[in-house]
Amino acid sequence: MTSFKKWSDVREEHIERAGGEQALAETRGMIEAYVHAWHLAERRKNAGLTQSDVAEKMCVTKMRVSQIENGDVTSVEVLVRYVEAIGGRLELTATSDDSTYRMGDATAAM
C-alpha cells in the first residue's frame, strides 16, 4: 500500500529547497505577470492587431510591445496605453475581504 504524506508535514522542507518564502513569492509574481500578459496578447490577436499595429498606436517599438506581452510592465500607465491601443479601457477595482469597489476608468487615476 502506498502511503502519502500530508503537505503540512513536508511543506517546510520543500519551501526551503525552493529558496524560501520570498523566492516563492517572487516566482508566483512572475508567473502571474506572465499569465496576465498572455491574456493581453490574446485580446490583441482577437482584435486582429499585430504587435506592430499596437506599437504604432502606443508610439513605442515592436520590441516594447513584445516585452509587455511577456510580463514586463513597469506601470499602470503602460497597461492603460496598451489596452487603449487594442481598443479597450482599463478599469480599477479595490477589493478587501468583504467588499469590492469598482473605481472606474484607470486613466482618471493618472
C-alpha atoms as a PDB file:
ATOM      1  CA  MET A   1       0.000   0.000   0.000  1.00  0.00           C
ATOM      2  CA  THR A   2       1.291   3.452  -0.888  1.00  0.00           C
ATOM      3  CA  SER A   3       1.375   5.970   1.895  1.00  0.00           C
ATOM      4  CA  PHE A   4       1.062   9.632   1.156  1.00  0.00           C
ATOM      5  CA  LYS A   5       2.474  12.392   3.280  1.00  0.00           C
ATOM      6  CA  LYS A   6       0.475  15.416   4.284  1.00  0.00           C
ATOM      7  CA  TRP A   7       1.587  18.664   2.655  1.00  0.00           C
ATOM      8  CA  SER A   8       1.752  20.271   6.087  1.00  0.00           C
ATOM      9  CA  ASP A   9       4.341  17.662   7.101  1.00  0.00           C
ATOM     10  CA  VAL A  10       6.671  18.232   4.119  1.00  0.00           C
ATOM     11  CA  ARG A  11       5.943  21.844   3.186  1.00  0.00           C
ATOM     12  CA  GLU A  12       8.783  23.457   5.132  1.00  0.00           C
ATOM     13  CA  GLU A  13      11.405  21.198   3.524  1.00  0.00           C
ATOM     14  CA  HIS A  14      10.113  21.925   0.018  1.00  0.00           C
ATOM     15  CA  ILE A  15       9.886  25.675   0.640  1.00  0.00           C
ATOM     16  CA  GLU A  16      13.486  25.688   1.887  1.00  0.00           C
ATOM     17  CA  ARG A  17      14.647  23.693  -1.149  1.00  0.00           C
ATOM     18  CA  ALA A  18      12.888  26.215  -3.437  1.00  0.00           C
ATOM     19  CA  GLY A  19      14.784  29.135  -1.897  1.00  0.00           C
ATOM     20  CA  GLY A  20      12.443  30.200   0.864  1.00  0.00           C
ATOM     21  CA  GLU A  21       9.132  32.039   1.112  1.00  0.00           C
ATOM     22  CA  GLN A  22      10.485  35.207  -0.549  1.00  0.00           C
ATOM     23  CA  ALA A  23      11.755  33.282  -3.585  1.00  0.00           C
ATOM     24  CA  LEU A  24       8.388  31.557  -3.936  1.00  0.00           C
ATOM     25  CA  ALA A  25       6.532  34.865  -3.690  1.00  0.00           C
ATOM     26  CA  GLU A  26       8.756  36.363  -6.394  1.00  0.00           C
ATOM     27  CA  THR A  27       8.241  33.345  -8.640  1.00  0.00           C
ATOM     28  CA  ARG A  28       4.489  33.488  -8.065  1.00  0.00           C
ATOM     29  CA  GLY A  29       4.529  37.177  -9.050  1.00  0.00           C
ATOM     30  CA  MET A  30       6.470  36.446 -12.238  1.00  0.00           C
ATOM     31  CA  ILE A  31       4.047  33.674 -13.191  1.00  0.00           C
ATOM     32  CA  GLU A  32       1.032  35.920 -12.563  1.00  0.00           C
ATOM     33  CA  ALA A  33       2.590  38.702 -14.674  1.00  0.00           C
ATOM     34  CA  TYR A  34       3.206  36.244 -17.495  1.00  0.00           C
ATOM     35  CA  VAL A  35      -0.368  34.911 -17.352  1.00  0.00           C
ATOM     36  CA  HIS A  36      -1.827  38.440 -17.381  1.00  0.00           C
ATOM     37  CA  ALA A  37       0.436  39.349 -20.293  1.00  0.00           C
ATOM     38  CA  TRP A  38      -0.635  36.246 -22.216  1.00  0.00           C
ATOM     39  CA  HIS A  39      -4.271  37.281 -21.819  1.00  0.00           C
ATOM     40  CA  LEU A  40      -3.458  40.765 -23.111  1.00  0.00           C
ATOM     41  CA  ALA A  41      -1.708  39.287 -26.156  1.00  0.00           C
ATOM     42  CA  GLU A  42      -4.734  37.064 -26.814  1.00  0.00           C
ATOM     43  CA  ARG A  43      -7.021  40.101 -26.689  1.00  0.00           C
ATOM     44  CA  ARG A  44      -4.736  41.875 -29.177  1.00  0.00           C
ATOM     45  CA  LYS A  45      -4.862  38.898 -31.527  1.00  0.00           C
ATOM     46  CA  ASN A  46      -8.647  38.640 -31.174  1.00  0.00           C
ATOM     47  CA  ALA A  47      -8.857  42.317 -32.121  1.00  0.00           C
ATOM     48  CA  GLY A  48      -6.996  41.459 -35.336  1.00  0.00           C
ATOM     49  CA  LEU A  49      -3.977  43.587 -34.424  1.00  0.00           C
ATOM     50  CA  THR A  50      -0.290  42.811 -34.774  1.00  0.00           C
ATOM     51  CA  GLN A  51       2.396  43.846 -32.325  1.00  0.00           C
ATOM     52  CA  SER A  52       3.489  46.405 -34.932  1.00  0.00           C
ATOM     53  CA  ASP A  53      -0.035  47.883 -35.006  1.00  0.00           C
ATOM     54  CA  VAL A  54      -0.055  48.246 -31.225  1.00  0.00           C
ATOM     55  CA  ALA A  55       3.481  49.655 -31.183  1.00  0.00           C
ATOM     56  CA  GLU A  56       2.480  52.341 -33.672  1.00  0.00           C
ATOM     57  CA  LYS A  57      -0.580  53.319 -31.620  1.00  0.00           C
ATOM     58  CA  MET A  58       1.470  53.401 -28.397  1.00  0.00           C
ATOM     59  CA  CYS A  59       4.393  55.240 -30.034  1.00  0.00           C
ATOM     60  CA  VAL A  60       6.814  52.551 -28.864  1.00  0.00           C
ATOM     61  CA  THR A  61       8.828  49.864 -30.607  1.00  0.00           C
ATOM     62  CA  LYS A  62       7.514  46.433 -31.512  1.00  0.00           C
ATOM     63  CA  MET A  63      10.144  45.093 -29.089  1.00  0.00           C
ATOM     64  CA  ARG A  64       8.494  47.036 -26.236  1.00  0.00           C
ATOM     65  CA  VAL A  65       5.093  45.552 -27.100  1.00  0.00           C
ATOM     66  CA  SER A  66       6.706  42.114 -27.056  1.00  0.00           C
ATOM     67  CA  GLN A  67       8.166  42.863 -23.619  1.00  0.00           C
ATOM     68  CA  ILE A  68       4.743  43.937 -22.331  1.00  0.00           C
ATOM     69  CA  GLU A  69       3.249  40.721 -23.697  1.00  0.00           C
ATOM     70  CA  ASN A  70       5.907  38.780 -21.795  1.00  0.00           C
ATOM     71  CA  GLY A  71       5.012  40.394 -18.466  1.00  0.00           C
ATOM     72  CA  ASP A  72       7.467  43.305 -18.413  1.00  0.00           C
ATOM     73  CA  VAL A  73       5.005  46.003 -17.359  1.00  0.00           C
ATOM     74  CA  THR A  74       6.518  48.900 -15.456  1.00  0.00           C
ATOM     75  CA  SER A  75       3.408  50.879 -14.513  1.00  0.00           C
ATOM     76  CA  VAL A  76      -0.355  51.161 -14.702  1.00  0.00           C
ATOM     77  CA  GLU A  77       0.157  53.854 -17.337  1.00  0.00           C
ATOM     78  CA  VAL A  78       1.813  51.280 -19.611  1.00  0.00           C
ATOM     79  CA  LEU A  79      -1.181  48.974 -19.171  1.00  0.00           C
ATOM     80  CA  VAL A  80      -3.600  51.814 -19.868  1.00  0.00           C
ATOM     81  CA  ARG A  81      -1.788  52.707 -23.091  1.00  0.00           C
ATOM     82  CA  TYR A  82      -1.594  49.078 -24.227  1.00  0.00           C
ATOM     83  CA  VAL A  83      -5.254  48.349 -23.504  1.00  0.00           C
ATOM     84  CA  GLU A  84      -6.344  51.548 -25.256  1.00  0.00           C
ATOM     85  CA  ALA A  85      -4.174  50.637 -28.256  1.00  0.00           C
ATOM     86  CA  ILE A  86      -6.079  47.368 -28.642  1.00  0.00           C
ATOM     87  CA  GLY A  87      -9.412  49.152 -28.346  1.00  0.00           C
ATOM     88  CA  GLY A  88     -10.182  48.632 -24.679  1.00  0.00           C
ATOM     89  CA  ARG A  89     -10.353  50.550 -21.431  1.00  0.00           C
ATOM     90  CA  LEU A  90      -8.519  49.601 -18.237  1.00  0.00           C
ATOM     91  CA  GLU A  91     -10.601  49.812 -15.074  1.00  0.00           C
ATOM     92  CA  LEU A  92      -9.524  49.773 -11.433  1.00  0.00           C
ATOM     93  CA  THR A  93     -11.202  47.759  -8.702  1.00  0.00           C
ATOM     94  CA  ALA A  94     -10.474  47.972  -4.976  1.00  0.00           C
ATOM     95  CA  THR A  95     -11.086  44.680  -3.183  1.00  0.00           C
ATOM     96  CA  SER A  96     -10.993  43.875   0.522  1.00  0.00           C
ATOM     97  CA  ASP A  97     -12.026  40.784   2.440  1.00  0.00           C
ATOM     98  CA  ASP A  98     -15.715  41.594   2.432  1.00  0.00           C
ATOM     99  CA  SER A  99     -16.291  44.033  -0.416  1.00  0.00           C
ATOM    100  CA  THR A 100     -15.360  45.164  -3.889  1.00  0.00           C
ATOM    101  CA  TYR A 101     -15.495  48.733  -5.128  1.00  0.00           C
ATOM    102  CA  ARG A 102     -15.214  49.452  -8.859  1.00  0.00           C
ATOM    103  CA  MET A 103     -13.226  52.662  -9.123  1.00  0.00           C
ATOM    104  CA  GLY A 104     -13.754  53.016 -12.858  1.00  0.00           C
ATOM    105  CA  ASP A 105     -11.531  54.136 -15.676  1.00  0.00           C
ATOM    106  CA  ALA A 106      -7.829  53.866 -14.829  1.00  0.00           C
ATOM    107  CA  THR A 107      -6.958  56.925 -16.944  1.00  0.00           C
ATOM    108  CA  ALA A 108      -8.773  59.118 -14.410  1.00  0.00           C
ATOM    109  CA  ALA A 109      -6.346  57.946 -11.702  1.00  0.00           C
ATOM    110  CA  MET A 110      -3.274  59.079 -13.619  1.00  0.00           C
END
